[in-house]
Every structure is written in structure tokens, then in C-alpha cells.
Amino acid sequence: MLPNPGRILVVDDYKINRLKISMAVKNLGHSTILAENGRIALDILQNQPVDLVLLDILMPEIDGYQVLTEMKSRRELRDIPVIVISAQEELLSIIKAIELGAEDYLPKTFDPILLKARINACLEKKRLRDQQSATLAQLDTENKRKSAELENARQIQRSMLPLATPSLPYLDVAAWQETASEVGGDYYDFLTRVGDKQLLILGDATGHGVSSALMVSMTKALLLAHRGHHIEALLDELNVILCKLGLGKQLNMALLLLELEEKPDGGITVSASGGGIPPIYILRPTAPVKEVLISGLPLGITHEADYQVTSFDLAPGEAIVLMSDGVVEQFNAAGQFLGFNRLYQALQQFEVSEANANAILEHIKQLGKDWAAGHPLHDDVTLVVAKVV
């Protein structure tokens, strides 16, 4: 008995021919289904599993050519191989059958050895096609599952972001984020601390995808749980916890914390600490743009990381710009980064005195958009702008 016998449909309007072909096929170890015309054959194909069709050309009602045409027009039938068997041995008939999708051609006075070879070849092709279809279907199902998981993760990631910027009498705040994939590694947040101090947070987990989203979620949870700590102690605590994960080389968190405190005589005092984040830019109406470098390491890399606090004052009319490195890593069509120098020059030329926080943010967004000119994002892009009023 054959290890993989086929189920073969024999279609011929002459009973003797049907029985003769069926017997030859059964002698090869396969099973057969018989149809006396094309209409019955199509009904069988539509309702029963068939591995191969041995098809007569000249038949009443629906001939073999019409059966071939109908099979190739139906997605569920088009991959079933067909061997045309006919008394017509003219070259044009063979060509027409092949053009309509037949795999092969045999005369009715076929040799059993040749029949065996043709059937085996067609069944092998059918099995390979079936395996390919099953693999593609499995891949499609897996891709849909992963897409659904990524979409769920994206929704969770978006829920990590604040619904609105803080409404404060002394500060105008704007924020924006665009991700380079379904799930981004960038993060920003605003927390109120003891004494009405405001904590501005900007983070950038390594890479993007589900792993970075999980890092963002963990960081947010830890910040909420430890929000009462001084910022250097808060960073030390977060770093210890993330280092315990042992993922520092593959996954870590660049993080910037800014504590803002209103001064009695106007303006604010800013205390900043963190690591792995681009410089803070200070925009002033009557002075050049100033860069404030935060030199600590990203969190989760080493227990030896040291997070120092840098403090400075902002007067009314001055603004700060916080950003992830995706802002300056936007590519143009030539493969060039936007870069810090171009960003600095654009900020230097911007008139900040009459602009609110959102206008400053939109200026930087437009700079990146003009530079990239439609080129897809290389990394997530996050901006937070705060202006003292």
C-alpha cells in the first residue's frame, strides 16, 4: 500500500473509459471518484477533497476546457492538478489544455508506467503546494496574532502618557511624541510632588517594541511608587532595581528628571538629573541658547552609576526644551542626520519672546519634518517644552 495514496477524480463521458482509467489508477494504489461529465465533476470538486483530476476533453454539457477554466477561476480549486486524457493528440489541443492550466497530457491509449510517473509527479507537486499553503496560513495567523499583541502593547504604551500637560499659573507646557514602530521606547510624564513642586520626566528605553514598552511601564510604576524621594535618590533607587534585571547590555533606560519650583519673586528653579538623554536647551529672549549637559549613565547598566543634580534658574519669558535623541537622529533622503548643530542653529534663530510653549514645539517639529521630507522615522521622537510665564 502506498504511504500517501491520492484521491483521484476520473472524468469521462464514456463508462468504459472511466472504468478502464479507474482500474489503472487503483492498481497504482490510489482511490478514485468517477464523474460522467464536467458538471458532475465540478460538483464533486466543490464538495469533496480531491488530489488530482484525470480529465477528458470532449464531453457533452461542459467539456474539459470549460472545466479547466472554471477550476482556475475558483481559489479553492485552482491548485488541484489536472492531467488531460483525450483521444485528441493534436498539438493545438495539448497547447490549449496546458494554457488553461493543465499540469500534463496523456492519450487515452496511455502506458501504465507513464501514467504512474505523471500521477506521482502531479501528486508530489500538490503535496508541496499544500505544505506551502499551510505554512503561509500559519505564518499569516502568527503575524496577525503578533500584530494584535503589538497593537495591545501600543495601547498600553499610550496609556502610560499623561492625558494633558499640567495647568500651572507660572508655567506653559507642551509635549508631543511620535513612535517609529507600533510600540515606542520613549516616555514622558508630569508628577506633582510635595510643596507643589512639579516633576518633568523624559525617558528613552533602548530600541522599540514590546521589550522597550515593558521597560517604560516598569519605570513609570517605580517613579509613582518612589515619587517622594529627592531626585538623585530616586534615580539611584530606580537604577538599583533596573540593574537587578540583568538586562543592561540589551535593555536600559535613558532618563531625565527635572524638578521645578516656583520662586517667590517670579521665575522658577530647576533641579535636573539623569543620564543618557540629550542636552537640555534653554531659550532666552535676550541671550544665546544655552545647553545644559546631564552626564549620568542610562539606568540599568551598572550599580556604580552616579547621578548628580544640576540646578539653574529660569526667568519669565525663558523656556526649556527636553527631547529624546530621535529628534536629532531624523534622516533625510541622503541618509544624513539632522544633528545637534542644525537644531541649535534653528533654536538660536527662533524668536522666543512672543512664542508660547506649543509654538516652540511646533517649530522643532517642522524642522524635523522639513529635514526628513517624508523619510520614515529611524527612532521615536519625543519633545517637552516648558516656558515660564
Protein backbone atom coordinates (compact mmCIF):
# COMPACT_ATOMS: atom_id res chain seq x y z
CA MET A 1 0.00 0.00 0.00
CA LEU A 2 1.26 3.46 -0.88
CA PRO A 3 2.35 5.61 2.09
CA ASN A 4 0.46 8.63 0.70
CA PRO A 5 -2.23 7.43 -1.72
CA GLY A 6 -4.07 10.08 -3.68
CA ARG A 7 -7.78 10.67 -4.11
CA ILE A 8 -8.19 10.99 -7.87
CA LEU A 9 -11.23 12.20 -9.80
CA VAL A 10 -11.71 10.49 -13.20
CA VAL A 11 -13.90 12.47 -15.61
CA ASP A 12 -15.01 10.87 -18.89
CA ASP A 13 -18.38 10.66 -20.61
CA TYR A 14 -17.79 7.04 -21.71
CA LYS A 15 -18.33 4.50 -18.95
CA ILE A 16 -15.83 2.01 -20.36
CA ASN A 17 -13.13 4.67 -20.43
CA ARG A 18 -13.96 5.74 -16.86
CA LEU A 19 -13.72 2.17 -15.59
CA LYS A 20 -10.53 1.46 -17.55
CA ILE A 21 -8.78 4.57 -16.20
CA SER A 22 -10.12 3.96 -12.68
CA MET A 23 -8.79 0.40 -12.66
CA ALA A 24 -5.36 1.54 -13.83
CA VAL A 25 -5.27 4.20 -11.10
CA LYS A 26 -6.40 1.77 -8.38
CA ASN A 27 -3.70 -0.68 -9.48
CA LEU A 28 -1.21 2.06 -8.58
CA GLY A 29 -2.61 2.20 -5.03
CA HIS A 30 -4.81 5.29 -5.28
CA SER A 31 -8.55 5.71 -4.74
CA THR A 32 -10.88 7.11 -7.40
CA ILE A 33 -14.10 9.07 -7.77
CA LEU A 34 -15.93 8.88 -11.11
CA ALA A 35 -17.80 11.61 -12.97
CA GLU A 36 -19.54 11.21 -16.34
CA ASN A 37 -19.45 14.88 -17.33
CA GLY A 38 -17.97 18.26 -16.46
CA ARG A 39 -20.96 19.47 -14.44
CA ILE A 40 -20.84 16.47 -12.10
CA ALA A 41 -17.05 16.83 -11.86
CA LEU A 42 -17.35 20.45 -10.71
CA ASP A 43 -19.98 19.48 -8.13
CA ILE A 44 -17.67 16.79 -6.76
CA LEU A 45 -14.71 19.17 -6.68
CA GLN A 46 -16.77 21.72 -4.79
CA ASN A 47 -17.93 19.25 -2.13
CA GLN A 48 -15.26 16.55 -1.78
CA PRO A 49 -11.48 16.55 -1.26
CA VAL A 50 -9.63 15.69 -4.48
CA ASP A 51 -5.86 15.46 -5.02
CA LEU A 52 -5.77 15.10 -8.81
CA VAL A 53 -8.16 15.21 -11.78
CA LEU A 54 -7.83 12.98 -14.85
CA LEU A 55 -9.95 14.90 -17.32
CA ASP A 56 -11.41 14.06 -20.73
CA ILE A 57 -11.59 16.99 -23.16
CA LEU A 58 -14.57 16.19 -25.40
CA MET A 59 -17.72 15.78 -23.29
CA PRO A 60 -21.35 16.93 -23.54
CA GLU A 61 -22.76 19.83 -21.45
CA ILE A 62 -19.41 21.05 -20.12
CA ASP A 63 -16.24 19.97 -21.89
CA GLY A 64 -12.77 19.58 -20.40
CA TYR A 65 -11.66 23.06 -21.42
CA GLN A 66 -14.61 24.61 -19.58
CA VAL A 67 -13.87 22.52 -16.50
CA LEU A 68 -10.27 23.76 -16.53
CA THR A 69 -11.40 27.36 -16.93
CA GLU A 70 -13.88 27.05 -14.07
CA MET A 71 -11.33 25.38 -11.77
CA LYS A 72 -8.73 28.07 -12.32
CA SER A 73 -11.30 30.79 -11.63
CA ARG A 74 -12.08 29.40 -8.18
CA ARG A 75 -9.50 29.96 -5.48
CA GLU A 76 -10.38 26.73 -3.67
CA LEU A 77 -9.92 24.64 -6.86
CA ARG A 78 -7.12 26.33 -8.77
CA ASP A 79 -4.30 24.42 -7.07
CA ILE A 80 -5.71 20.95 -7.79
CA PRO A 81 -3.54 19.47 -10.58
CA VAL A 82 -5.21 18.26 -13.79
CA ILE A 83 -3.95 15.73 -16.31
CA VAL A 84 -5.92 15.90 -19.54
CA ILE A 85 -6.65 12.49 -21.13
CA SER A 86 -8.11 12.60 -24.62
CA ALA A 87 -8.20 10.80 -27.93
CA GLN A 88 -7.20 14.08 -29.49
CA GLU A 89 -3.46 14.07 -29.86
CA GLU A 90 -3.16 17.18 -31.96
CA LEU A 91 -0.58 19.66 -30.75
CA LEU A 92 -3.11 22.54 -30.62
CA SER A 93 -5.34 20.61 -28.21
CA ILE A 94 -2.39 19.92 -25.93
CA ILE A 95 -1.28 23.56 -26.04
CA LYS A 96 -4.78 24.82 -25.26
CA ALA A 97 -5.15 22.46 -22.29
CA ILE A 98 -1.77 23.49 -20.88
CA GLU A 99 -2.58 27.19 -21.37
CA LEU A 100 -5.82 26.71 -19.44
CA GLY A 101 -3.88 25.28 -16.51
CA ALA A 102 -3.46 21.55 -17.05
CA GLU A 103 -0.34 20.11 -15.46
CA ASP A 104 0.16 17.41 -18.08
CA TYR A 105 -1.38 15.50 -21.01
CA LEU A 106 -1.87 11.81 -21.78
CA PRO A 107 -3.51 9.99 -24.71
CA LYS A 108 -6.28 7.55 -23.84
CA THR A 109 -4.05 4.73 -25.04
CA PHE A 110 -1.61 5.51 -22.23
CA ASP A 111 1.17 3.30 -20.95
CA PRO A 112 0.64 2.31 -17.27
CA ILE A 113 4.25 3.19 -16.46
CA LEU A 114 3.81 6.65 -17.97
CA LEU A 115 0.52 7.06 -16.09
CA LYS A 116 2.26 6.20 -12.84
CA ALA A 117 5.05 8.70 -13.50
CA ARG A 118 2.64 11.52 -14.39
CA ILE A 119 0.36 10.84 -11.41
CA ASN A 120 3.28 10.66 -8.96
CA ALA A 121 4.75 13.91 -10.29
CA CYS A 122 1.43 15.75 -10.04
CA LEU A 123 0.65 14.43 -6.57
CA GLU A 124 4.10 15.45 -5.34
CA LYS A 125 3.56 18.97 -6.68
CA LYS A 126 0.15 19.03 -4.99
CA ARG A 127 1.61 17.96 -1.66
CA LEU A 128 4.33 20.60 -1.88
CA ARG A 129 1.74 23.27 -2.72
CA ASP A 130 -0.45 22.12 0.17
CA GLN A 131 2.52 22.30 2.54
CA GLN A 132 3.38 25.75 1.27
CA SER A 133 -0.22 26.92 1.67
CA ALA A 134 -0.37 25.51 5.20
CA THR A 135 2.91 27.23 6.08
CA LEU A 136 1.73 30.54 4.65
CA ALA A 137 -1.57 30.23 6.50
CA GLN A 138 0.29 29.52 9.72
CA LEU A 139 2.59 32.49 9.15
CA ASP A 140 -0.40 34.70 8.40
CA THR A 141 -2.11 33.59 11.61
CA GLU A 142 1.08 34.18 13.57
CA ASN A 143 1.58 37.61 12.01
CA LYS A 144 -2.00 38.57 12.85
CA ARG A 145 -1.50 37.36 16.40
CA LYS A 146 1.71 39.35 16.77
CA SER A 147 0.11 42.41 15.20
CA ALA A 148 -2.75 42.16 17.69
CA GLU A 149 -0.27 41.81 20.56
CA LEU A 150 1.70 44.82 19.32
CA GLU A 151 -1.47 46.86 18.97
CA ASN A 152 -2.47 45.95 22.52
CA ALA A 153 1.02 46.86 23.72
CA ARG A 154 0.80 50.14 21.81
CA GLN A 155 -2.48 50.98 23.53
CA ILE A 156 -0.92 50.18 26.90
CA GLN A 157 2.12 52.28 25.99
CA ARG A 158 -0.05 55.23 25.01
CA SER A 159 -1.92 54.89 28.28
CA MET A 160 1.38 55.45 30.07
CA LEU A 161 1.49 59.01 28.73
CA PRO A 162 -0.36 61.82 30.51
CA LEU A 163 -3.73 62.81 29.10
CA ALA A 164 -2.83 66.50 29.34
CA THR A 165 0.04 68.79 30.24
CA PRO A 166 -0.02 70.38 33.71
CA SER A 167 -2.04 73.58 34.11
CA LEU A 168 0.10 75.93 36.19
CA PRO A 169 -0.12 79.72 36.62
CA TYR A 170 3.63 80.18 36.25
CA LEU A 171 4.42 77.63 33.51
CA ASP A 172 3.21 76.88 29.97
CA VAL A 173 3.93 73.26 28.96
CA ALA A 174 3.61 71.44 25.62
CA ALA A 175 4.52 67.83 24.79
CA TRP A 176 4.49 65.61 21.71
CA GLN A 177 5.57 62.11 20.76
CA GLU A 178 5.74 60.10 17.54
CA THR A 179 6.88 56.48 17.51
CA ALA A 180 8.97 54.73 14.88
CA SER A 181 7.15 51.41 15.39
CA GLU A 182 3.88 50.08 16.78
CA VAL A 183 5.29 50.31 20.28
CA GLY A 184 7.73 53.05 21.19
CA GLY A 185 10.51 53.23 23.75
CA ASP A 186 10.10 56.94 24.52
CA TYR A 187 8.22 58.19 27.55
CA TYR A 188 7.31 61.48 29.18
CA ASP A 189 5.26 62.33 32.24
CA PHE A 190 4.41 65.05 34.76
CA LEU A 191 4.10 64.44 38.50
CA THR A 192 3.21 66.80 41.33
CA ARG A 193 5.48 66.50 44.35
CA VAL A 194 5.37 67.72 47.93
CA GLY A 195 5.12 71.51 48.17
CA ASP A 196 3.53 71.80 44.71
CA LYS A 197 6.85 71.12 43.05
CA GLN A 198 6.49 69.72 39.53
CA LEU A 199 8.48 66.79 38.22
CA LEU A 200 9.02 66.68 34.44
CA ILE A 201 10.10 63.25 33.22
CA LEU A 202 11.53 62.24 29.86
CA GLY A 203 12.75 58.70 29.16
CA ASP A 204 14.03 56.64 26.25
CA ALA A 205 14.21 52.85 26.59
CA THR A 206 16.68 51.05 24.34
CA GLY A 207 15.19 50.38 20.91
CA HIS A 208 11.45 49.98 20.38
CA GLY A 209 8.90 47.20 20.51
CA VAL A 210 7.32 45.23 23.32
CA SER A 211 10.51 44.96 25.44
CA SER A 212 11.03 48.73 25.49
CA ALA A 213 7.33 49.25 26.29
CA LEU A 214 7.70 46.95 29.28
CA MET A 215 10.72 48.96 30.43
CA VAL A 216 8.67 52.16 30.14
CA SER A 217 5.81 50.61 32.12
CA MET A 218 8.16 49.47 34.86
CA THR A 219 9.87 52.87 35.03
CA LYS A 220 6.55 54.70 35.34
CA ALA A 221 5.39 52.36 38.10
CA LEU A 222 8.65 52.83 40.02
CA LEU A 223 8.51 56.61 39.66
CA LEU A 224 4.97 56.68 41.01
CA ALA A 225 5.93 54.44 43.92
CA HIS A 226 9.01 56.48 44.86
CA ARG A 227 7.92 59.98 43.88
CA GLY A 228 8.58 61.36 47.38
CA HIS A 229 12.36 60.81 47.13
CA HIS A 230 14.81 63.57 46.20
CA ILE A 231 15.57 63.20 42.51
CA GLU A 232 19.14 61.91 42.96
CA ALA A 233 17.92 59.33 45.49
CA LEU A 234 15.01 58.49 43.20
CA LEU A 235 17.38 57.83 40.30
CA ASP A 236 19.70 55.75 42.49
CA GLU A 237 16.75 53.63 43.64
CA LEU A 238 15.45 53.14 40.10
CA ASN A 239 18.92 52.24 38.85
CA VAL A 240 19.39 49.57 41.53
CA ILE A 241 16.03 47.98 40.71
CA LEU A 242 16.63 48.00 36.94
CA CYS A 243 20.17 46.65 37.35
CA LYS A 244 18.76 43.65 39.22
CA LEU A 245 17.01 42.66 35.99
CA GLY A 246 20.42 41.93 34.48
CA LEU A 247 19.44 43.33 31.07
CA GLY A 248 21.68 46.37 30.98
CA LYS A 249 23.52 45.46 27.77
CA GLN A 250 20.32 44.66 25.89
CA LEU A 251 17.79 46.93 27.58
CA ASN A 252 18.28 50.05 29.65
CA MET A 253 16.53 53.36 30.28
CA ALA A 254 17.87 56.81 29.47
CA LEU A 255 16.02 59.10 31.87
CA LEU A 256 15.86 62.79 32.72
CA LEU A 257 14.12 64.18 35.81
CA LEU A 258 13.50 67.90 36.23
CA GLU A 259 12.10 69.26 39.48
CA LEU A 260 10.53 72.69 39.03
CA GLU A 261 9.88 75.01 41.97
CA GLU A 262 8.27 78.43 41.69
CA LYS A 263 10.32 81.29 43.14
CA PRO A 264 8.59 83.87 45.34
CA ASP A 265 9.89 86.77 43.25
CA GLY A 266 8.99 85.19 39.89
CA GLY A 267 10.56 82.57 37.69
CA ILE A 268 11.44 79.02 38.69
CA THR A 269 14.34 76.98 39.99
CA VAL A 270 15.12 73.83 38.03
CA SER A 271 16.92 70.84 39.54
CA ALA A 272 17.89 68.31 36.87
CA SER A 273 19.47 64.86 36.96
CA GLY A 274 19.52 61.67 34.93
CA GLY A 275 21.57 60.00 32.25
CA GLY A 276 21.74 59.10 28.59
CA ILE A 277 19.48 61.95 27.45
CA PRO A 278 20.43 64.78 25.02
CA PRO A 279 21.21 68.23 26.44
CA ILE A 280 18.53 70.48 27.88
CA TYR A 281 18.22 73.63 25.77
CA ILE A 282 17.42 76.94 27.46
CA LEU A 283 15.87 79.55 25.17
CA ARG A 284 16.17 83.16 26.33
CA PRO A 285 14.78 86.31 24.65
CA THR A 286 17.92 88.39 25.14
CA ALA A 287 20.75 85.82 25.21
CA PRO A 288 22.08 82.92 23.15
CA VAL A 289 20.59 79.46 23.51
CA LYS A 290 22.27 77.57 26.33
CA GLU A 291 22.96 73.83 26.53
CA VAL A 292 22.81 72.07 29.89
CA LEU A 293 24.52 68.67 29.78
CA ILE A 294 23.36 65.85 32.04
CA SER A 295 26.25 63.41 32.16
CA GLY A 296 24.94 60.35 34.03
CA LEU A 297 24.64 56.86 32.53
CA PRO A 298 21.34 55.32 31.42
CA LEU A 299 19.62 53.43 34.21
CA GLY A 300 20.01 49.67 34.46
CA ILE A 301 23.58 49.41 33.13
CA THR A 302 25.69 49.42 36.30
CA HIS A 303 25.26 49.75 40.05
CA GLU A 304 28.22 52.17 40.03
CA ALA A 305 26.32 54.90 38.17
CA ASP A 306 26.32 58.25 39.98
CA TYR A 307 23.54 60.77 39.44
CA GLN A 308 24.36 64.37 40.31
CA VAL A 309 21.91 67.27 40.39
CA THR A 310 22.39 70.32 38.19
CA SER A 311 20.42 73.42 39.23
CA PHE A 312 19.64 76.63 37.35
CA ASP A 313 17.04 79.39 37.35
CA LEU A 314 14.62 80.38 34.62
CA ALA A 315 13.22 83.89 34.42
CA PRO A 316 9.80 84.77 33.00
CA GLY A 317 9.91 84.54 29.20
CA GLU A 318 12.58 81.83 29.19
CA ALA A 319 11.91 78.27 28.09
CA ILE A 320 13.48 74.82 28.26
CA VAL A 321 13.40 72.12 25.61
CA LEU A 322 13.68 68.44 26.57
CA MET A 323 13.95 65.79 23.88
CA SER A 324 14.83 62.21 23.09
CA ASP A 325 17.71 61.52 20.71
CA GLY A 326 15.23 60.66 17.97
CA VAL A 327 14.81 64.40 17.33
CA VAL A 328 18.37 64.85 16.09
CA GLU A 329 18.56 61.35 14.56
CA GLN A 330 15.96 62.05 11.88
CA PHE A 331 17.35 61.08 8.46
CA ASN A 332 16.96 62.93 5.19
CA ALA A 333 16.90 61.27 1.75
CA ALA A 334 20.72 61.39 1.61
CA GLY A 335 20.99 59.40 4.84
CA GLN A 336 22.21 62.37 6.90
CA PHE A 337 21.18 63.06 10.50
CA LEU A 338 19.54 66.33 11.42
CA GLY A 339 22.15 66.59 14.17
CA PHE A 340 22.66 68.83 17.20
CA ASN A 341 24.31 71.68 15.29
CA ARG A 342 21.36 72.22 12.95
CA LEU A 343 18.94 72.01 15.86
CA TYR A 344 20.97 74.52 17.87
CA GLN A 345 21.08 76.97 14.95
CA ALA A 346 17.33 76.65 14.42
CA LEU A 347 16.67 77.35 18.10
CA GLN A 348 19.13 80.25 18.07
CA GLN A 349 17.28 81.89 15.18
CA PHE A 350 13.85 81.40 16.74
CA GLU A 351 12.21 84.42 18.38
CA VAL A 352 11.13 83.06 21.74
CA SER A 353 9.83 86.24 23.40
CA GLU A 354 6.33 86.14 21.88
CA ALA A 355 6.05 82.37 21.40
CA ASN A 356 4.23 80.03 23.75
CA ALA A 357 5.41 76.50 24.53
CA ASN A 358 3.39 74.95 21.73
CA ALA A 359 4.81 77.37 19.14
CA ILE A 360 8.35 76.41 20.18
CA LEU A 361 7.45 72.72 19.96
CA GLU A 362 5.86 73.15 16.51
CA HIS A 363 8.98 74.97 15.29
CA ILE A 364 11.14 71.98 16.22
CA LYS A 365 8.63 69.52 14.75
CA GLN A 366 8.60 71.44 11.47
CA LEU A 367 12.40 71.49 11.41
CA GLY A 368 12.46 67.69 11.61
CA LYS A 369 9.65 67.32 9.08
CA ASP A 370 11.38 69.59 6.55
CA TRP A 371 14.68 67.77 7.05
CA ALA A 372 13.24 64.25 6.72
CA ALA A 373 10.98 65.23 3.78
CA GLY A 374 8.86 62.12 4.18
CA HIS A 375 11.70 59.74 5.09
CA PRO A 376 10.44 57.29 7.77
CA LEU A 377 11.49 57.79 11.37
CA HIS A 378 14.65 56.00 12.47
CA ASP A 379 13.79 56.33 16.15
CA ASP A 380 10.97 57.51 18.38
CA VAL A 381 10.72 61.29 18.70
CA THR A 382 9.63 62.99 21.93
CA LEU A 383 9.60 66.69 22.81
CA VAL A 384 8.65 68.51 26.01
CA VAL A 385 8.76 72.31 26.11
CA ALA A 386 8.15 74.42 29.23
CA LYS A 387 8.08 78.23 29.23
CA VAL A 388 7.97 80.43 32.31
CA VAL A 389 5.13 82.96 32.19
